[in-house]
C-alpha atoms as a PDB file:
ATOM      1  CA  MET A   1      34.866 -56.499   1.127  1.00  0.00           C
ATOM      2  CA  VAL A   2      34.111 -59.761   2.968  1.00  0.00           C
ATOM      3  CA  LEU A   3      32.306 -60.993  -0.318  1.00  0.00           C
ATOM      4  CA  GLY A   4      35.392 -60.652  -2.027  1.00  0.00           C
ATOM      5  CA  THR A   5      37.890 -61.940  -0.145  1.00  0.00           C
ATOM      6  CA  PHE A   6      34.984 -65.497  -0.254  1.00  0.00           C
ATOM      7  CA  ILE A   7      35.386 -65.102  -4.069  1.00  0.00           C
ATOM      8  CA  GLU A   8      38.486 -64.924  -4.175  1.00  0.00           C
ATOM      9  CA  ALA A   9      39.230 -67.516  -1.730  1.00  0.00           C
ATOM     10  CA  VAL A  10      36.798 -69.936  -4.286  1.00  0.00           C
ATOM     11  CA  ALA A  11      38.899 -69.514  -6.359  1.00  0.00           C
ATOM     12  CA  GLN A  12      41.708 -69.975  -5.321  1.00  0.00           C
ATOM     13  CA  ILE A  13      40.152 -73.544  -3.939  1.00  0.00           C
ATOM     14  CA  LEU A  14      39.295 -74.753  -7.877  1.00  0.00           C
ATOM     15  CA  SER A  15      43.186 -73.709  -9.279  1.00  0.00           C
ATOM     16  CA  MET A  16      44.402 -76.022  -6.428  1.00  0.00           C
ATOM     17  CA  ILE A  17      41.413 -78.839  -7.017  1.00  0.00           C
ATOM     18  CA  ILE A  18      41.698 -78.795 -11.620  1.00  0.00           C
ATOM     19  CA  ASN A  19      45.558 -78.628 -11.151  1.00  0.00           C
ATOM     20  CA  PHE A  20      45.425 -81.335  -8.263  1.00  0.00           C
ATOM     21  CA  TYR A  21      43.297 -83.566 -11.195  1.00  0.00           C
ATOM     22  CA  ILE A  22      45.333 -82.509 -13.785  1.00  0.00           C
ATOM     23  CA  TRP A  23      48.273 -84.721 -11.995  1.00  0.00           C
ATOM     24  CA  ILE A  24      45.806 -87.276 -11.253  1.00  0.00           C
ATOM     25  CA  VAL A  25      45.573 -87.775 -15.607  1.00  0.00           C
ATOM     26  CA  ILE A  26      48.398 -87.329 -16.208  1.00  0.00           C
ATOM     27  CA  ILE A  27      49.821 -90.047 -13.129  1.00  0.00           C
ATOM     28  CA  ALA A  28      47.331 -91.804 -14.903  1.00  0.00           C
ATOM     29  CA  ALA A  29      48.106 -91.867 -18.295  1.00  0.00           C
ATOM     30  CA  ILE A  30      50.997 -92.957 -17.446  1.00  0.00           C
ATOM     31  CA  ILE A  31      50.350 -95.574 -15.404  1.00  0.00           C
ATOM     32  CA  SER A  32      48.563 -96.598 -18.064  1.00  0.00           C
ATOM     33  CA  TRP A  33      51.455 -97.013 -20.229  1.00  0.00           C
ATOM     34  CA  VAL A  34      53.103-100.254 -18.135  1.00  0.00           C
ATOM     35  CA  ARG A  35      50.545-102.674 -17.818  1.00  0.00           C
ATOM     36  CA  PRO A  36      49.639-102.124 -14.198  1.00  0.00           C
ATOM     37  CA  ASP A  37      48.749-104.419 -11.891  1.00  0.00           C
ATOM     38  CA  PRO A  38      44.962-103.828 -11.323  1.00  0.00           C
ATOM     39  CA  TYR A  39      45.013-104.808  -7.594  1.00  0.00           C
ATOM     40  CA  ASN A  40      47.432-102.093  -6.623  1.00  0.00           C
ATOM     41  CA  PRO A  41      45.407 -99.688  -3.981  1.00  0.00           C
ATOM     42  CA  ILE A  42      47.098 -96.860  -6.056  1.00  0.00           C
ATOM     43  CA  VAL A  43      45.425 -98.218  -9.136  1.00  0.00           C
ATOM     44  CA  GLN A  44      42.091 -98.576  -8.539  1.00  0.00           C
ATOM     45  CA  ILE A  45      42.274 -94.967  -6.845  1.00  0.00           C
ATOM     46  CA  LEU A  46      43.822 -93.663 -10.309  1.00  0.00           C
ATOM     47  CA  TYR A  47      41.204 -95.421 -11.815  1.00  0.00           C
ATOM     48  CA  LYS A  48      37.952 -94.555  -9.392  1.00  0.00           C
ATOM     49  CA  LEU A  49      39.489 -90.684  -9.999  1.00  0.00           C
ATOM     50  CA  THR A  50      39.746 -91.011 -13.712  1.00  0.00           C
ATOM     51  CA  GLU A  51      37.569 -93.695 -15.370  1.00  0.00           C
ATOM     52  CA  PRO A  52      33.667 -91.467 -14.669  1.00  0.00           C
ATOM     53  CA  LEU A  53      34.906 -88.285 -16.415  1.00  0.00           C
ATOM     54  CA  TYR A  54      36.872 -90.669 -19.639  1.00  0.00           C
ATOM     55  CA  ALA A  55      33.616 -92.167 -19.772  1.00  0.00           C
ATOM     56  CA  LYS A  56      31.276 -89.607 -20.065  1.00  0.00           C
ATOM     57  CA  ILE A  57      34.065 -87.939 -22.642  1.00  0.00           C
ATOM     58  CA  ARG A  58      34.160 -91.179 -24.582  1.00  0.00           C
ATOM     59  CA  SER A  59      30.201 -91.670 -25.122  1.00  0.00           C
ATOM     60  CA  PHE A  60      30.330 -87.665 -27.035  1.00  0.00           C
ATOM     61  CA  ILE A  61      33.497 -87.777 -28.648  1.00  0.00           C
ATOM     62  CA  PRO A  62      35.365 -90.597 -30.716  1.00  0.00           C
ATOM     63  CA  THR A  63      38.851 -90.618 -28.171  1.00  0.00           C
ATOM     64  CA  ILE A  64      41.142 -93.304 -29.960  1.00  0.00           C
ATOM     65  CA  ILE A  65      43.026 -92.393 -32.940  1.00  0.00           C
ATOM     66  CA  GLY A  66      45.287 -95.056 -34.800  1.00  0.00           C
ATOM     67  CA  GLY A  67      45.215 -96.719 -31.607  1.00  0.00           C
ATOM     68  CA  ILE A  68      46.667 -93.885 -29.084  1.00  0.00           C
ATOM     69  CA  ASP A  69      43.516 -92.906 -26.211  1.00  0.00           C
ATOM     70  CA  LEU A  70      43.039 -88.635 -26.355  1.00  0.00           C
ATOM     71  CA  THR A  71      40.958 -89.004 -23.969  1.00  0.00           C
ATOM     72  CA  PRO A  72      43.347 -88.137 -21.475  1.00  0.00           C
ATOM     73  CA  PHE A  73      44.845 -85.041 -23.421  1.00  0.00           C
ATOM     74  CA  ILE A  74      41.833 -83.599 -24.488  1.00  0.00           C
ATOM     75  CA  ILE A  75      40.718 -83.427 -20.559  1.00  0.00           C
ATOM     76  CA  ILE A  76      43.676 -81.943 -19.918  1.00  0.00           C
ATOM     77  CA  ILE A  77      42.974 -79.498 -22.039  1.00  0.00           C
ATOM     78  CA  ALA A  78      39.433 -79.028 -21.177  1.00  0.00           C
ATOM     79  CA  LEU A  79      40.547 -78.733 -17.579  1.00  0.00           C
ATOM     80  CA  HIS A  80      43.303 -75.657 -18.267  1.00  0.00           C
ATOM     81  CA  PHE A  81      40.489 -73.835 -19.980  1.00  0.00           C
ATOM     82  CA  ILE A  82      38.349 -74.413 -17.730  1.00  0.00           C
ATOM     83  CA  ASN A  83      40.711 -72.772 -15.156  1.00  0.00           C
ATOM     84  CA  ALA A  84      41.919 -69.666 -17.558  1.00  0.00           C
ATOM     85  CA  PHE A  85      38.888 -68.876 -18.416  1.00  0.00           C
ATOM     86  CA  PHE A  86      35.946 -69.946 -15.390  1.00  0.00           C
ATOM     87  CA  VAL A  87      38.970 -69.096 -12.532  1.00  0.00           C
ATOM     88  CA  LYS A  88      39.779 -65.762 -13.809  1.00  0.00           C
ATOM     89  CA  LEU A  89      37.170 -64.799 -13.813  1.00  0.00           C
ATOM     90  CA  LEU A  90      36.292 -65.528 -10.060  1.00  0.00           C
ATOM     91  CA  PHE A  91      39.313 -63.515  -9.285  1.00  0.00           C
ATOM     92  CA  ASN A  92      38.152 -60.246 -11.300  1.00  0.00           C
ATOM     93  CA  LEU A  93      34.523 -60.225  -9.967  1.00  0.00           C
ATOM     94  CA  ALA A  94      36.644 -60.490  -6.556  1.00  0.00           C
ATOM     95  CA  ARG A  95      38.752 -57.885  -7.420  1.00  0.00           C
ATOM     96  CA  SER A  96      35.619 -56.137  -8.677  1.00  0.00           C
ATOM     97  CA  LEU A  97      34.084 -55.723  -4.813  1.00  0.00           C
END
């Protein structure tokens, strides 16, 4: 019972982190459309939070099609998959204990 509750808590926190990062990716993508000031602290934080993952995805897949960078879209799809599959798997594991 205690282990099941612990696993459920971990699953909830993981889901919250995934949802938070999805919003970070969305905000960074929207801000990139308006040519933000690169010295703005918020822009720098968003860049530091998203660019390492963007670079990793771009090294595997060509993501710029017709001048549009699809990296944020790919990341959001992957995060939704992780949230829908692995987090629900953790919830089901917690319920079975």
